[in-house]
PDB file of N, CA and C in Angstrom:
ATOM      1  N   GLU A   1     -78.490-186.097  38.903  1.00  0.00           N
ATOM      2  CA  GLU A   1     -79.103-184.992  38.191  1.00  0.00           C
ATOM      3  C   GLU A   1     -80.567-184.856  38.595  1.00  0.00           C
ATOM      4  N   LYS A   2     -81.198-185.971  38.848  1.00  0.00           N
ATOM      5  CA  LYS A   2     -82.598-185.935  39.254  1.00  0.00           C
ATOM      6  C   LYS A   2     -82.743-185.208  40.585  1.00  0.00           C
ATOM      7  N   TRP A   3     -81.808-185.451  41.506  1.00  0.00           N
ATOM      8  CA  TRP A   3     -81.912-184.826  42.829  1.00  0.00           C
ATOM      9  C   TRP A   3     -81.633-183.331  42.754  1.00  0.00           C
ATOM     10  N   SER A   4     -80.725-182.918  41.869  1.00  0.00           N
ATOM     11  CA  SER A   4     -80.437-181.484  41.771  1.00  0.00           C
ATOM     12  C   SER A   4     -81.657-180.730  41.241  1.00  0.00           C
ATOM     13  N   ARG A   5     -82.403-181.343  40.317  1.00  0.00           N
ATOM     14  CA  ARG A   5     -83.615-180.698  39.828  1.00  0.00           C
ATOM     15  C   ARG A   5     -84.646-180.577  40.941  1.00  0.00           C
ATOM     16  N   MET A   6     -84.720-181.606  41.746  1.00  0.00           N
ATOM     17  CA  MET A   6     -85.703-181.573  42.836  1.00  0.00           C
ATOM     18  C   MET A   6     -85.345-180.465  43.827  1.00  0.00           C
ATOM     19  N   ARG A   7     -84.057-180.301  44.110  1.00  0.00           N
ATOM     20  CA  ARG A   7     -83.638-179.256  45.038  1.00  0.00           C
ATOM     21  C   ARG A   7     -83.946-177.868  44.482  1.00  0.00           C
ATOM     22  N   VAL A   8     -83.725-177.672  43.189  1.00  0.00           N
ATOM     23  CA  VAL A   8     -84.012-176.385  42.580  1.00  0.00           C
ATOM     24  C   VAL A   8     -85.490-176.079  42.679  1.00  0.00           C
ATOM     25  N   ASN A   9     -86.319-177.059  42.347  1.00  0.00           N
ATOM     26  CA  ASN A   9     -87.765-176.845  42.425  1.00  0.00           C
ATOM     27  C   ASN A   9     -88.189-176.554  43.858  1.00  0.00           C
ATOM     28  N   TYR A  10     -87.597-177.258  44.818  1.00  0.00           N
ATOM     29  CA  TYR A  10     -87.943-177.039  46.215  1.00  0.00           C
ATOM     30  C   TYR A  10     -87.542-175.630  46.647  1.00  0.00           C
ATOM     31  N   SER A  11     -86.336-175.183  46.233  1.00  0.00           N
ATOM     32  CA  SER A  11     -85.893-173.852  46.642  1.00  0.00           C
ATOM     33  C   SER A  11     -86.768-172.775  46.010  1.00  0.00           C
ATOM     34  N   LEU A  12     -87.231-172.988  44.777  1.00  0.00           N
ATOM     35  CA  LEU A  12     -88.129-172.008  44.173  1.00  0.00           C
ATOM     36  C   LEU A  12     -89.457-171.948  44.915  1.00  0.00           C
ATOM     37  N   LYS A  13     -89.949-173.120  45.340  1.00  0.00           N
ATOM     38  CA  LYS A  13     -91.207-173.125  46.094  1.00  0.00           C
ATOM     39  C   LYS A  13     -91.026-172.412  47.427  1.00  0.00           C
ATOM     40  N   MET A  14     -89.881-172.602  48.077  1.00  0.00           N
ATOM     41  CA  MET A  14     -89.642-171.930  49.346  1.00  0.00           C
ATOM     42  C   MET A  14     -89.532-170.421  49.139  1.00  0.00           C
ATOM     43  N   ALA A  15     -88.914-169.996  48.027  1.00  0.00           N
ATOM     44  CA  ALA A  15     -88.817-168.576  47.751  1.00  0.00           C
ATOM     45  C   ALA A  15     -90.204-167.978  47.533  1.00  0.00           C
ATOM     46  N   ASP A  16     -91.071-168.713  46.849  1.00  0.00           N
ATOM     47  CA  ASP A  16     -92.439-168.229  46.643  1.00  0.00           C
ATOM     48  C   ASP A  16     -93.157-168.088  47.975  1.00  0.00           C
ATOM     49  N   TYR A  17     -92.893-169.018  48.876  1.00  0.00           N
ATOM     50  CA  TYR A  17     -93.589-169.008  50.164  1.00  0.00           C
ATOM     51  C   TYR A  17     -93.058-167.898  51.081  1.00  0.00           C
ATOM     52  N   ARG A  18     -91.734-167.752  51.129  1.00  0.00           N
ATOM     53  CA  ARG A  18     -91.148-166.793  52.060  1.00  0.00           C
ATOM     54  C   ARG A  18     -91.196-165.350  51.556  1.00  0.00           C
ATOM     55  N   TYR A  19     -91.003-165.159  50.251  1.00  0.00           N
ATOM     56  CA  TYR A  19     -90.916-163.814  49.698  1.00  0.00           C
ATOM     57  C   TYR A  19     -91.934-163.636  48.571  1.00  0.00           C
ATOM     58  N   PRO A  20     -93.188-163.537  48.869  1.00  0.00           N
ATOM     59  CA  PRO A  20     -94.177-163.438  47.789  1.00  0.00           C
ATOM     60  C   PRO A  20     -94.066-162.130  47.008  1.00  0.00           C
ATOM     61  N   HIS A  21     -93.555-161.054  47.629  1.00  0.00           N
ATOM     62  CA  HIS A  21     -93.458-159.778  46.927  1.00  0.00           C
ATOM     63  C   HIS A  21     -92.409-159.804  45.819  1.00  0.00           C
ATOM     64  N   ILE A  22     -91.430-160.715  45.893  1.00  0.00           N
ATOM     65  CA  ILE A  22     -90.404-160.796  44.859  1.00  0.00           C
ATOM     66  C   ILE A  22     -90.969-161.445  43.607  1.00  0.00           C
ATOM     67  N   VAL A  23     -91.846-162.411  43.771  1.00  0.00           N
ATOM     68  CA  VAL A  23     -92.356-163.188  42.656  1.00  0.00           C
ATOM     69  C   VAL A  23     -93.492-162.457  41.949  1.00  0.00           C
ATOM     70  N   GLN A  24     -94.207-161.585  42.633  1.00  0.00           N
ATOM     71  CA  GLN A  24     -95.351-160.915  42.033  1.00  0.00           C
ATOM     72  C   GLN A  24     -94.927-160.004  40.891  1.00  0.00           C
ATOM     73  N   ARG A  25     -95.768-159.904  39.902  1.00  0.00           N
ATOM     74  CA  ARG A  25     -95.552-159.037  38.752  1.00  0.00           C
ATOM     75  C   ARG A  25     -96.446-157.812  38.880  1.00  0.00           C
ATOM     76  N   PRO A  26     -96.067-156.693  38.261  1.00  0.00           N
ATOM     77  CA  PRO A  26     -96.942-155.525  38.327  1.00  0.00           C
ATOM     78  C   PRO A  26     -98.268-155.809  37.642  1.00  0.00           C
ATOM     79  N   SER A  27     -99.306-155.180  38.137  1.00  0.00           N
ATOM     80  CA  SER A  27    -100.640-155.462  37.626  1.00  0.00           C
ATOM     81  C   SER A  27    -100.912-154.784  36.295  1.00  0.00           C
ATOM     82  N   LYS A  28    -100.160-153.724  35.952  1.00  0.00           N
ATOM     83  CA  LYS A  28    -100.365-153.050  34.676  1.00  0.00           C
ATOM     84  C   LYS A  28     -99.022-152.779  34.010  1.00  0.00           C
ATOM     85  N   PRO A  29     -99.024-152.590  32.690  1.00  0.00           N
ATOM     86  CA  PRO A  29     -97.750-152.359  31.993  1.00  0.00           C
ATOM     87  C   PRO A  29     -97.139-151.019  32.362  1.00  0.00           C
ATOM     88  N   PRO A  30     -95.826-150.851  32.165  1.00  0.00           N
ATOM     89  CA  PRO A  30     -95.149-149.622  32.568  1.00  0.00           C
ATOM     90  C   PRO A  30     -95.693-148.369  31.891  1.00  0.00           C
ATOM     91  N   GLU A  31     -96.218-148.495  30.671  1.00  0.00           N
ATOM     92  CA  GLU A  31     -96.727-147.325  29.962  1.00  0.00           C
ATOM     93  C   GLU A  31     -97.888-146.672  30.701  1.00  0.00           C
ATOM     94  N   GLU A  32     -98.600-147.446  31.487  1.00  0.00           N
ATOM     95  CA  GLU A  32     -99.753-146.897  32.185  1.00  0.00           C
ATOM     96  C   GLU A  32     -99.377-146.173  33.478  1.00  0.00           C
ATOM     97  N   TYR A  33     -98.149-146.339  33.962  1.00  0.00           N
ATOM     98  CA  TYR A  33     -97.738-145.673  35.201  1.00  0.00           C
ATOM     99  C   TYR A  33     -97.383-144.206  34.964  1.00  0.00           C
ATOM    100  N   ALA A  34     -96.741-143.905  33.861  1.00  0.00           N
ATOM    101  CA  ALA A  34     -96.332-142.534  33.585  1.00  0.00           C
ATOM    102  C   ALA A  34     -96.327-142.299  32.087  1.00  0.00           C
ATOM    103  N   LYS A  35     -96.671-141.092  31.696  1.00  0.00           N
ATOM    104  CA  LYS A  35     -96.660-140.733  30.290  1.00  0.00           C
ATOM    105  C   LYS A  35     -95.296-140.145  29.949  1.00  0.00           C
ATOM    106  N   ILE A  36     -94.742-140.557  28.814  1.00  0.00           N
ATOM    107  CA  ILE A  36     -93.448-140.041  28.382  1.00  0.00           C
ATOM    108  C   ILE A  36     -93.699-138.850  27.474  1.00  0.00           C
ATOM    109  N   GLU A  37     -93.176-137.691  27.854  1.00  0.00           N
ATOM    110  CA  GLU A  37     -93.310-136.490  27.047  1.00  0.00           C
ATOM    111  C   GLU A  37     -91.965-136.202  26.393  1.00  0.00           C
ATOM    112  N   ARG A  38     -91.979-136.075  25.090  1.00  0.00           N
ATOM    113  CA  ARG A  38     -90.745-135.816  24.352  1.00  0.00           C
ATOM    114  C   ARG A  38     -90.532-134.323  24.206  1.00  0.00           C
ATOM    115  N   SER A  39     -89.299-133.907  24.462  1.00  0.00           N
ATOM    116  CA  SER A  39     -88.931-132.509  24.315  1.00  0.00           C
ATOM    117  C   SER A  39     -88.215-132.333  22.979  1.00  0.00           C
ATOM    118  N   ASN A  40     -88.649-131.360  22.208  1.00  0.00           N
ATOM    119  CA  ASN A  40     -88.012-131.129  20.905  1.00  0.00           C
ATOM    120  C   ASN A  40     -86.551-130.754  21.055  1.00  0.00           C
ATOM    121  N   ALA A  41     -86.214-129.992  22.083  1.00  0.00           N
ATOM    122  CA  ALA A  41     -84.830-129.583  22.282  1.00  0.00           C
ATOM    123  C   ALA A  41     -83.940-130.798  22.572  1.00  0.00           C
ATOM    124  N   ILE A  42     -84.425-131.709  23.399  1.00  0.00           N
ATOM    125  CA  ILE A  42     -83.638-132.908  23.729  1.00  0.00           C
ATOM    126  C   ILE A  42     -83.517-133.813  22.510  1.00  0.00           C
ATOM    127  N   GLU A  43     -84.582-133.925  21.726  1.00  0.00           N
ATOM    128  CA  GLU A  43     -84.519-134.742  20.517  1.00  0.00           C
ATOM    129  C   GLU A  43     -83.513-134.161  19.521  1.00  0.00           C
ATOM    130  N   LYS A  44     -83.504-132.838  19.352  1.00  0.00           N
ATOM    131  CA  LYS A  44     -82.547-132.199  18.452  1.00  0.00           C
ATOM    132  C   LYS A  44     -81.122-132.414  18.938  1.00  0.00           C
ATOM    133  N   TRP A  45     -80.911-132.270  20.250  1.00  0.00           N
ATOM    134  CA  TRP A  45     -79.582-132.464  20.827  1.00  0.00           C
ATOM    135  C   TRP A  45     -79.106-133.899  20.601  1.00  0.00           C
ATOM    136  N   SER A  46     -80.000-134.879  20.790  1.00  0.00           N
ATOM    137  CA  SER A  46     -79.590-136.280  20.614  1.00  0.00           C
ATOM    138  C   SER A  46     -79.279-136.581  19.153  1.00  0.00           C
ATOM    139  N   ARG A  47     -80.030-135.987  18.218  1.00  0.00           N
ATOM    140  CA  ARG A  47     -79.703-136.177  16.801  1.00  0.00           C
ATOM    141  C   ARG A  47     -78.328-135.584  16.476  1.00  0.00           C
ATOM    142  N   MET A  48     -78.030-134.421  17.044  1.00  0.00           N
ATOM    143  CA  MET A  48     -76.710-133.815  16.826  1.00  0.00           C
ATOM    144  C   MET A  48     -75.608-134.705  17.398  1.00  0.00           C
ATOM    145  N   ARG A  49     -75.833-135.291  18.565  1.00  0.00           N
ATOM    146  CA  ARG A  49     -74.829-136.167  19.183  1.00  0.00           C
ATOM    147  C   ARG A  49     -74.619-137.428  18.358  1.00  0.00           C
ATOM    148  N   GLU A  50     -75.667-137.944  17.734  1.00  0.00           N
ATOM    149  CA  GLU A  50     -75.541-139.159  16.932  1.00  0.00           C
ATOM    150  C   GLU A  50     -74.762-138.897  15.647  1.00  0.00           C
ATOM    151  N   ARG A  51     -74.876-137.708  15.106  1.00  0.00           N
ATOM    152  CA  ARG A  51     -74.232-137.363  13.835  1.00  0.00           C
ATOM    153  C   ARG A  51     -73.165-136.292  14.042  1.00  0.00           C
ATOM    154  N   THR A  52     -72.260-136.526  14.949  1.00  0.00           N
ATOM    155  CA  THR A  52     -71.236-135.534  15.286  1.00  0.00           C
ATOM    156  C   THR A  52     -70.341-135.231  14.094  1.00  0.00           C
ATOM    157  N   VAL A  53     -70.016-136.233  13.304  1.00  0.00           N
ATOM    158  CA  VAL A  53     -69.084-136.048  12.191  1.00  0.00           C
ATOM    159  C   VAL A  53     -69.646-135.053  11.174  1.00  0.00           C
ATOM    160  N   GLU A  54     -70.956-135.064  10.973  1.00  0.00           N
ATOM    161  CA  GLU A  54     -71.560-134.174   9.987  1.00  0.00           C
ATOM    162  C   GLU A  54     -71.543-132.714  10.445  1.00  0.00           C
ATOM    163  N   HIS A  55     -71.525-132.482  11.747  1.00  0.00           N
ATOM    164  CA  HIS A  55     -71.661-131.132  12.274  1.00  0.00           C
ATOM    165  C   HIS A  55     -70.375-130.565  12.869  1.00  0.00           C
ATOM    166  N   PHE A  56     -69.310-131.359  12.923  1.00  0.00           N
ATOM    167  CA  PHE A  56     -68.083-130.906  13.576  1.00  0.00           C
ATOM    168  C   PHE A  56     -67.325-129.935  12.687  1.00  0.00           C
ATOM    169  N   LYS A  57     -66.802-128.853  13.290  1.00  0.00           N
ATOM    170  CA  LYS A  57     -65.971-127.889  12.577  1.00  0.00           C
ATOM    171  C   LYS A  57     -64.757-127.579  13.437  1.00  0.00           C
ATOM    172  N   PHE A  58     -63.589-127.480  12.781  1.00  0.00           N
ATOM    173  CA  PHE A  58     -62.392-127.082  13.524  1.00  0.00           C
ATOM    174  C   PHE A  58     -62.430-125.571  13.718  1.00  0.00           C
ATOM    175  N   THR A  59     -62.583-125.172  14.960  1.00  0.00           N
ATOM    176  CA  THR A  59     -62.542-123.765  15.330  1.00  0.00           C
ATOM    177  C   THR A  59     -61.339-123.581  16.250  1.00  0.00           C
ATOM    178  N   PRO A  60     -60.981-122.366  16.590  1.00  0.00           N
ATOM    179  CA  PRO A  60     -59.868-122.188  17.535  1.00  0.00           C
ATOM    180  C   PRO A  60     -60.106-122.910  18.864  1.00  0.00           C
ATOM    181  N   LYS A  61     -61.344-122.928  19.309  1.00  0.00           N
ATOM    182  CA  LYS A  61     -61.656-123.587  20.583  1.00  0.00           C
ATOM    183  C   LYS A  61     -61.470-125.105  20.483  1.00  0.00           C
ATOM    184  N   THR A  62     -62.024-125.726  19.435  1.00  0.00           N
ATOM    185  CA  THR A  62     -61.883-127.185  19.301  1.00  0.00           C
ATOM    186  C   THR A  62     -60.441-127.575  19.012  1.00  0.00           C
ATOM    187  N   SER A  63     -59.712-126.725  18.288  1.00  0.00           N
ATOM    188  CA  SER A  63     -58.291-127.013  18.045  1.00  0.00           C
ATOM    189  C   SER A  63     -57.505-126.968  19.347  1.00  0.00           C
ATOM    190  N   PHE A  64     -57.809-125.983  20.189  1.00  0.00           N
ATOM    191  CA  PHE A  64     -57.139-125.903  21.490  1.00  0.00           C
ATOM    192  C   PHE A  64     -57.411-127.157  22.311  1.00  0.00           C
ATOM    193  N   TYR A  65     -58.687-127.590  22.359  1.00  0.00           N
ATOM    194  CA  TYR A  65     -59.023-128.795  23.130  1.00  0.00           C
ATOM    195  C   TYR A  65     -58.296-130.021  22.585  1.00  0.00           C
ATOM    196  N   ALA A  66     -58.186-130.128  21.262  1.00  0.00           N
ATOM    197  CA  ALA A  66     -57.500-131.284  20.668  1.00  0.00           C
ATOM    198  C   ALA A  66     -56.031-131.303  21.069  1.00  0.00           C
ATOM    199  N   VAL A  67     -55.368-130.146  20.966  1.00  0.00           N
ATOM    200  CA  VAL A  67     -53.949-130.079  21.335  1.00  0.00           C
ATOM    201  C   VAL A  67     -53.782-130.298  22.832  1.00  0.00           C
ATOM    202  N   PHE A  68     -54.655-129.715  23.615  1.00  0.00           N
ATOM    203  CA  PHE A  68     -54.555-129.834  25.072  1.00  0.00           C
ATOM    204  C   PHE A  68     -54.663-131.291  25.515  1.00  0.00           C
ATOM    205  N   TRP A  69     -55.702-132.003  25.074  1.00  0.00           N
ATOM    206  CA  TRP A  69     -55.920-133.375  25.541  1.00  0.00           C
ATOM    207  C   TRP A  69     -55.012-134.391  24.863  1.00  0.00           C
ATOM    208  N   ALA A  70     -54.580-134.122  23.631  1.00  0.00           N
ATOM    209  CA  ALA A  70     -53.763-135.104  22.912  1.00  0.00           C
ATOM    210  C   ALA A  70     -52.267-134.910  23.125  1.00  0.00           C
ATOM    211  N   ALA A  71     -51.825-133.695  23.522  1.00  0.00           N
ATOM    212  CA  ALA A  71     -50.391-133.462  23.650  1.00  0.00           C
ATOM    213  C   ALA A  71     -49.995-132.943  25.026  1.00  0.00           C
ATOM    214  N   LEU A  72     -50.640-131.895  25.483  1.00  0.00           N
ATOM    215  CA  LEU A  72     -50.194-131.263  26.724  1.00  0.00           C
ATOM    216  C   LEU A  72     -50.450-132.124  27.959  1.00  0.00           C
ATOM    217  N   VAL A  73     -51.599-132.758  28.044  1.00  0.00           N
ATOM    218  CA  VAL A  73     -51.892-133.579  29.230  1.00  0.00           C
ATOM    219  C   VAL A  73     -50.952-134.787  29.310  1.00  0.00           C
ATOM    220  N   PRO A  74     -50.781-135.578  28.243  1.00  0.00           N
ATOM    221  CA  PRO A  74     -49.823-136.698  28.344  1.00  0.00           C
ATOM    222  C   PRO A  74     -48.391-136.239  28.616  1.00  0.00           C
ATOM    223  N   PHE A  75     -47.972-135.140  27.980  1.00  0.00           N
ATOM    224  CA  PHE A  75     -46.625-134.619  28.209  1.00  0.00           C
ATOM    225  C   PHE A  75     -46.461-134.182  29.663  1.00  0.00           C
ATOM    226  N   GLY A  76     -47.466-133.518  30.208  1.00  0.00           N
ATOM    227  CA  GLY A  76     -47.414-133.090  31.609  1.00  0.00           C
ATOM    228  C   GLY A  76     -47.373-134.270  32.568  1.00  0.00           C
ATOM    229  N   LEU A  77     -48.179-135.294  32.317  1.00  0.00           N
ATOM    230  CA  LEU A  77     -48.165-136.487  33.180  1.00  0.00           C
ATOM    231  C   LEU A  77     -46.808-137.195  33.118  1.00  0.00           C
ATOM    232  N   TYR A  78     -46.254-137.288  31.902  1.00  0.00           N
ATOM    233  CA  TYR A  78     -44.939-137.927  31.757  1.00  0.00           C
ATOM    234  C   TYR A  78     -43.889-137.182  32.580  1.00  0.00           C
ATOM    235  N   ASN A  79     -43.868-135.856  32.486  1.00  0.00           N
ATOM    236  CA  ASN A  79     -42.879-135.076  33.236  1.00  0.00           C
ATOM    237  C   ASN A  79     -43.114-135.160  34.737  1.00  0.00           C
ATOM    238  N   LEU A  80     -44.369-135.215  35.170  1.00  0.00           N
ATOM    239  CA  LEU A  80     -44.669-135.349  36.596  1.00  0.00           C
ATOM    240  C   LEU A  80     -44.171-136.686  37.138  1.00  0.00           C
ATOM    241  N   ILE A  81     -44.410-137.759  36.403  1.00  0.00           N
ATOM    242  CA  ILE A  81     -43.954-139.089  36.838  1.00  0.00           C
ATOM    243  C   ILE A  81     -42.424-139.145  36.823  1.00  0.00           C
ATOM    244  N   LYS A  82     -41.813-138.586  35.774  1.00  0.00           N
ATOM    245  CA  LYS A  82     -40.353-138.566  35.675  1.00  0.00           C
ATOM    246  C   LYS A  82     -39.746-137.793  36.847  1.00  0.00           C
ATOM    247  N   TRP A  83     -40.295-136.632  37.168  1.00  0.00           N
ATOM    248  CA  TRP A  83     -39.807-135.819  38.283  1.00  0.00           C
ATOM    249  C   TRP A  83     -39.942-136.574  39.599  1.00  0.00           C
ATOM    250  N   ASP A  84     -41.084-137.247  39.797  1.00  0.00           N
ATOM    251  CA  ASP A  84     -41.306-137.965  41.055  1.00  0.00           C
ATOM    252  C   ASP A  84     -40.337-139.140  41.202  1.00  0.00           C
ATOM    253  N   LEU A  85     -40.107-139.888  40.130  1.00  0.00           N
ATOM    254  CA  LEU A  85     -39.177-141.024  40.210  1.00  0.00           C
ATOM    255  C   LEU A  85     -37.740-140.560  40.451  1.00  0.00           C
ATOM    256  N   ARG A  86     -37.342-139.468  39.825  1.00  0.00           N
ATOM    257  CA  ARG A  86     -35.994-138.928  40.073  1.00  0.00           C
ATOM    258  C   ARG A  86     -35.855-138.451  41.515  1.00  0.00           C
ATOM    259  N   ARG A  87     -36.908-137.797  42.037  1.00  0.00           N
ATOM    260  CA  ARG A  87     -36.888-137.327  43.413  1.00  0.00           C
ATOM    261  C   ARG A  87     -36.747-138.505  44.379  1.00  0.00           C
ATOM    262  N   GLN A  88     -37.472-139.604  44.097  1.00  0.00           N
ATOM    263  CA  GLN A  88     -37.370-140.792  44.953  1.00  0.00           C
ATOM    264  C   GLN A  88     -35.967-141.391  44.890  1.00  0.00           C
ATOM    265  N   ASP A  89     -35.395-141.439  43.686  1.00  0.00           N
ATOM    266  CA  ASP A  89     -34.042-141.982  43.544  1.00  0.00           C
ATOM    267  C   ASP A  89     -33.028-141.160  44.332  1.00  0.00           C
ATOM    268  N   ILE A  90     -33.101-139.846  44.230  1.00  0.00           N
ATOM    269  CA  ILE A  90     -32.164-138.975  44.952  1.00  0.00           C
ATOM    270  C   ILE A  90     -32.354-139.124  46.452  1.00  0.00           C
ATOM    271  N   LYS A  91     -33.602-139.255  46.889  1.00  0.00           N
ATOM    272  CA  LYS A  91     -33.892-139.388  48.324  1.00  0.00           C
ATOM    273  C   LYS A  91     -33.294-140.676  48.886  1.00  0.00           C
ATOM    274  N   LYS A  92     -33.299-141.761  48.068  1.00  0.00           N
ATOM    275  CA  LYS A  92     -32.762-143.040  48.539  1.00  0.00           C
ATOM    276  C   LYS A  92     -31.275-143.187  48.260  1.00  0.00           C
ATOM    277  N   GLY A  93     -30.652-142.177  47.680  1.00  0.00           N
ATOM    278  CA  GLY A  93     -29.211-142.221  47.456  1.00  0.00           C
ATOM    279  C   GLY A  93     -28.795-142.947  46.195  1.00  0.00           C
ATOM    280  N   ARG A  94     -29.694-143.221  45.293  1.00  0.00           N
ATOM    281  CA  ARG A  94     -29.362-143.895  44.029  1.00  0.00           C
ATOM    282  C   ARG A  94     -29.099-142.845  42.950  1.00  0.00           C
ATOM    283  N   THR A  95     -28.440-143.255  41.887  1.00  0.00           N
ATOM    284  CA  THR A  95     -28.278-142.335  40.773  1.00  0.00           C
ATOM    285  C   THR A  95     -29.617-142.242  40.043  1.00  0.00           C
ATOM    286  N   PRO A  96     -30.013-141.049  39.638  1.00  0.00           N
ATOM    287  CA  PRO A  96     -31.315-140.888  38.981  1.00  0.00           C
ATOM    288  C   PRO A  96     -31.403-141.690  37.681  1.00  0.00           C
ATOM    289  N   ARG A  97     -32.554-142.214  37.417  1.00  0.00           N
ATOM    290  CA  ARG A  97     -32.781-142.988  36.206  1.00  0.00           C
ATOM    291  C   ARG A  97     -32.773-142.067  34.995  1.00  0.00           C
ATOM    292  N   LYS A  98     -32.460-142.649  33.847  1.00  0.00           N
ATOM    293  CA  LYS A  98     -32.483-141.878  32.620  1.00  0.00           C
ATOM    294  C   LYS A  98     -33.758-142.233  31.863  1.00  0.00           C
ATOM    295  N   PHE A  99     -34.433-141.210  31.412  1.00  0.00           N
ATOM    296  CA  PHE A  99     -35.661-141.390  30.636  1.00  0.00           C
ATOM    297  C   PHE A  99     -35.440-140.890  29.238  1.00  0.00           C
ATOM    298  N   LEU A 100     -35.973-141.587  28.301  1.00  0.00           N
ATOM    299  CA  LEU A 100     -35.901-141.243  26.886  1.00  0.00           C
ATOM    300  C   LEU A 100     -34.707-140.422  26.615  1.00  0.00           C
TER     301      LEU A 100
END
């Protein structure tokens, strides 16, 4: 264990010697490099995103999106995979598989 510590210390010293730019720290804090300007529009948008439940309303558009992503997309993928597997079975001369 004593030798492993010595090797670690030696490798750190070699890193300091070979790559001094990696070890150096910035001379001033990050706040002094650039000023952060807050936009009221972005702040309002982020507050709305954080509290989605308070502002959500079921409209025809949101209802369509819910049905589309929760029912139509999975149903379409299932039928696409089923069609492809049946096509492969017929191509190889096997009897098509039965699904649900």
